[in-house]
Protein backbone atom coordinates (compact mmCIF):
# COMPACT_ATOMS: atom_id res chain seq x y z
CA UNK A 1 174.91 73.33 119.68
CA UNK A 2 175.47 76.80 118.02
CA UNK A 3 176.50 80.18 119.57
CA UNK A 4 173.80 82.64 119.22
CA UNK A 5 174.73 86.05 118.22
CA UNK A 6 173.96 88.25 120.52
CA UNK A 7 171.23 90.80 119.24
CA UNK A 8 172.91 93.65 119.63
CA UNK A 9 175.77 92.86 117.90
CA UNK A 10 173.11 91.36 114.81
CA UNK A 11 171.95 95.35 115.19
CA UNK A 12 175.02 96.56 114.97
CA UNK A 13 176.37 94.06 112.16
CA UNK A 14 172.75 94.52 110.26
CA UNK A 15 174.04 98.82 110.32
CA UNK A 16 177.66 98.15 109.60
CA UNK A 17 176.65 96.49 105.64
CA UNK A 18 173.45 98.67 105.56
CA UNK A 19 176.19 102.07 105.58
CA UNK A 20 178.68 99.79 103.92
CA UNK A 21 176.29 99.43 101.10
CA UNK A 22 174.91 103.14 101.30
CA UNK A 23 178.50 104.94 100.59
CA UNK A 24 179.35 102.09 97.97
CA UNK A 25 176.10 103.09 96.21
CA UNK A 26 176.70 107.07 96.70
CA UNK A 27 180.24 106.47 95.42
CA UNK A 28 179.37 105.72 91.61
CA UNK A 29 176.98 105.92 89.50
CA UNK A 30 176.57 102.10 87.00
CA UNK A 31 177.43 102.67 84.14
CA UNK A 32 176.45 100.33 81.27
CA UNK A 33 179.19 98.50 79.48
CA UNK A 34 178.20 98.18 74.94
CA UNK A 35 178.20 101.01 71.80
CA UNK A 36 178.84 104.61 72.84
CA UNK A 37 177.73 107.51 70.67
CA UNK A 38 180.56 109.98 71.85
CA UNK A 39 181.62 113.28 70.96
CA UNK A 40 184.51 115.10 71.64
CA UNK A 41 185.23 118.77 71.36
CA UNK A 42 189.15 120.53 72.52
CA UNK A 43 189.19 124.24 72.95
CA UNK A 44 192.17 126.56 72.84
CA UNK A 45 194.21 124.68 70.54
CA UNK A 46 196.11 126.62 68.26
CA UNK A 47 193.93 125.55 64.98
CA UNK A 48 190.78 126.60 67.15
CA UNK A 49 188.23 124.57 68.33
CA UNK A 50 188.80 120.22 67.27
CA UNK A 51 185.76 118.48 67.80
CA UNK A 52 185.41 114.45 66.65
CA UNK A 53 181.99 112.39 67.52
CA UNK A 54 182.27 108.38 67.03
CA UNK A 55 180.66 104.97 68.39
CA UNK A 56 183.06 103.63 70.49
CA UNK A 57 182.42 99.63 71.99
CA UNK A 58 182.90 100.17 75.79
CA UNK A 59 183.91 96.58 78.12
CA UNK A 60 182.69 96.64 81.69
CA UNK A 61 185.69 96.16 82.55
CA UNK A 62 186.95 99.34 81.74
CA UNK A 63 184.27 100.80 83.04
CA UNK A 64 184.46 98.99 86.75
CA UNK A 65 187.69 100.74 87.76
CA UNK A 66 187.14 104.23 86.22
CA UNK A 67 183.91 104.98 84.21
CA UNK A 68 185.48 108.78 83.54
CA UNK A 69 188.53 107.23 82.34
CA UNK A 70 187.00 104.75 79.69
CA UNK A 71 184.92 107.54 78.13
CA UNK A 72 187.51 109.51 78.06
CA UNK A 73 189.81 107.24 76.54
CA UNK A 74 187.26 105.85 73.95
CA UNK A 75 186.82 110.17 72.42
CA UNK A 76 190.62 110.30 72.13
CA UNK A 77 190.30 107.77 69.47
CA UNK A 78 187.65 109.32 67.73
CA UNK A 79 188.51 110.15 64.29
CA UNK A 80 192.33 107.62 64.15
CA UNK A 81 194.32 109.89 61.13
CA UNK A 82 197.64 110.47 62.25
CA UNK A 83 196.68 111.87 65.82
CA UNK A 84 197.45 109.51 68.45
CA UNK A 85 195.76 109.81 72.06
CA UNK A 86 197.62 111.34 74.95
CA UNK A 87 198.26 109.16 77.00
CA UNK A 88 196.40 110.05 80.40
CA UNK A 89 197.14 109.43 84.13
CA UNK A 90 194.10 109.41 86.27
CA UNK A 91 194.11 110.01 89.86
CA UNK A 92 191.79 111.50 92.69
CA UNK A 93 188.55 110.36 91.45
CA UNK A 94 186.30 111.31 93.65
CA UNK A 95 182.64 110.44 93.48
CA UNK A 96 179.34 111.33 94.96
CA UNK A 97 176.20 110.02 93.63
CA UNK A 98 176.11 110.84 89.56
CA UNK A 99 178.41 113.36 89.98
CA UNK A 100 182.75 112.67 89.63
CA UNK A 101 186.11 114.82 89.88
CA UNK A 102 189.66 114.63 89.38
CA UNK A 103 193.14 114.93 88.32
CA UNK A 104 194.69 114.24 85.25
CA UNK A 105 198.09 114.25 83.79
CA UNK A 106 198.73 113.62 80.11
CA UNK A 107 201.86 112.95 77.44
CA UNK A 108 201.03 113.58 73.96
CA UNK A 109 201.99 115.42 71.09
CA UNK A 110 201.49 118.76 72.96
CA UNK A 111 203.48 117.37 75.61
CA UNK A 112 203.05 116.44 79.30
CA UNK A 113 199.49 118.19 80.27
CA UNK A 114 198.27 119.09 83.66
CA UNK A 115 194.76 119.23 84.43
CA UNK A 116 191.44 118.97 86.20
CA UNK A 117 188.22 117.63 85.23
CA UNK A 118 184.05 116.93 86.27
CA UNK A 119 181.38 115.13 85.67
CA UNK A 120 178.27 113.59 85.45
CA UNK A 121 177.64 110.56 84.96
CA UNK A 122 174.35 107.39 84.38
CA UNK A 123 174.00 103.89 83.25
CA UNK A 124 173.70 105.38 79.28
CA UNK A 125 174.65 109.37 79.00
CA UNK A 126 178.04 110.83 80.66
CA UNK A 127 178.67 114.48 80.38
CA UNK A 128 182.69 115.40 80.83
CA UNK A 129 185.04 118.15 80.81
CA UNK A 130 188.33 118.74 81.60
CA UNK A 131 190.72 121.44 81.20
CA UNK A 132 195.14 121.08 80.74
CA UNK A 133 197.73 123.62 81.42
CA UNK A 134 200.42 122.99 78.63
CA UNK A 135 203.69 124.43 78.72
CA UNK A 136 204.45 125.59 74.68
CA UNK A 137 207.25 127.56 73.30
CA UNK A 138 204.73 130.59 73.56
CA UNK A 139 204.17 130.21 77.12
CA UNK A 140 200.92 128.18 79.09
CA UNK A 141 198.62 127.11 76.81
CA UNK A 142 195.36 126.13 78.36
CA UNK A 143 193.09 123.96 76.97
CA UNK A 144 189.64 123.01 77.87
CA UNK A 145 188.06 118.98 76.82
CA UNK A 146 184.11 118.44 76.32
CA UNK A 147 182.43 114.89 75.87
CA UNK A 148 179.26 114.25 75.87
CA UNK A 149 178.52 110.11 75.30
CA UNK A 150 174.83 108.31 75.10
CA UNK A 151 174.69 104.52 74.93
CA UNK A 152 173.43 103.28 71.92
CA UNK A 153 173.20 99.95 71.91
CA UNK A 154 174.94 96.52 72.68
CA UNK A 155 178.46 95.71 70.73
């Protein structure tokens, strides 16, 4: 004979599941894998503004853990050429619905950069901004990156 769960426990269990689902839904905006058109502008560099535009396939696996990181890394690979994209570590990613914030440390051609970012994500669009401080022989340089992306199809 099966034991029945008391009604009070069923109500509590149901409330906990509903609460967990609400937190999960609020914690991360769903971002769709596929072909993304991306425009990235880096301002503050010695040469002025550096804008790169292109398309990149972004996988579901890359988007699951941190869609911000996946899209920013795709933006870093735009344009090819002799430029090596910096290697970045993202931490303290906070999400509230479609909005997110994060901290980043990057190593690249410009040296070590410390920064913070914020963005807004949806299934088919992203608007991301990051600001970095770089210690240079001439002093501290502030770099600002703006990335706008929209999903344009399947890969």
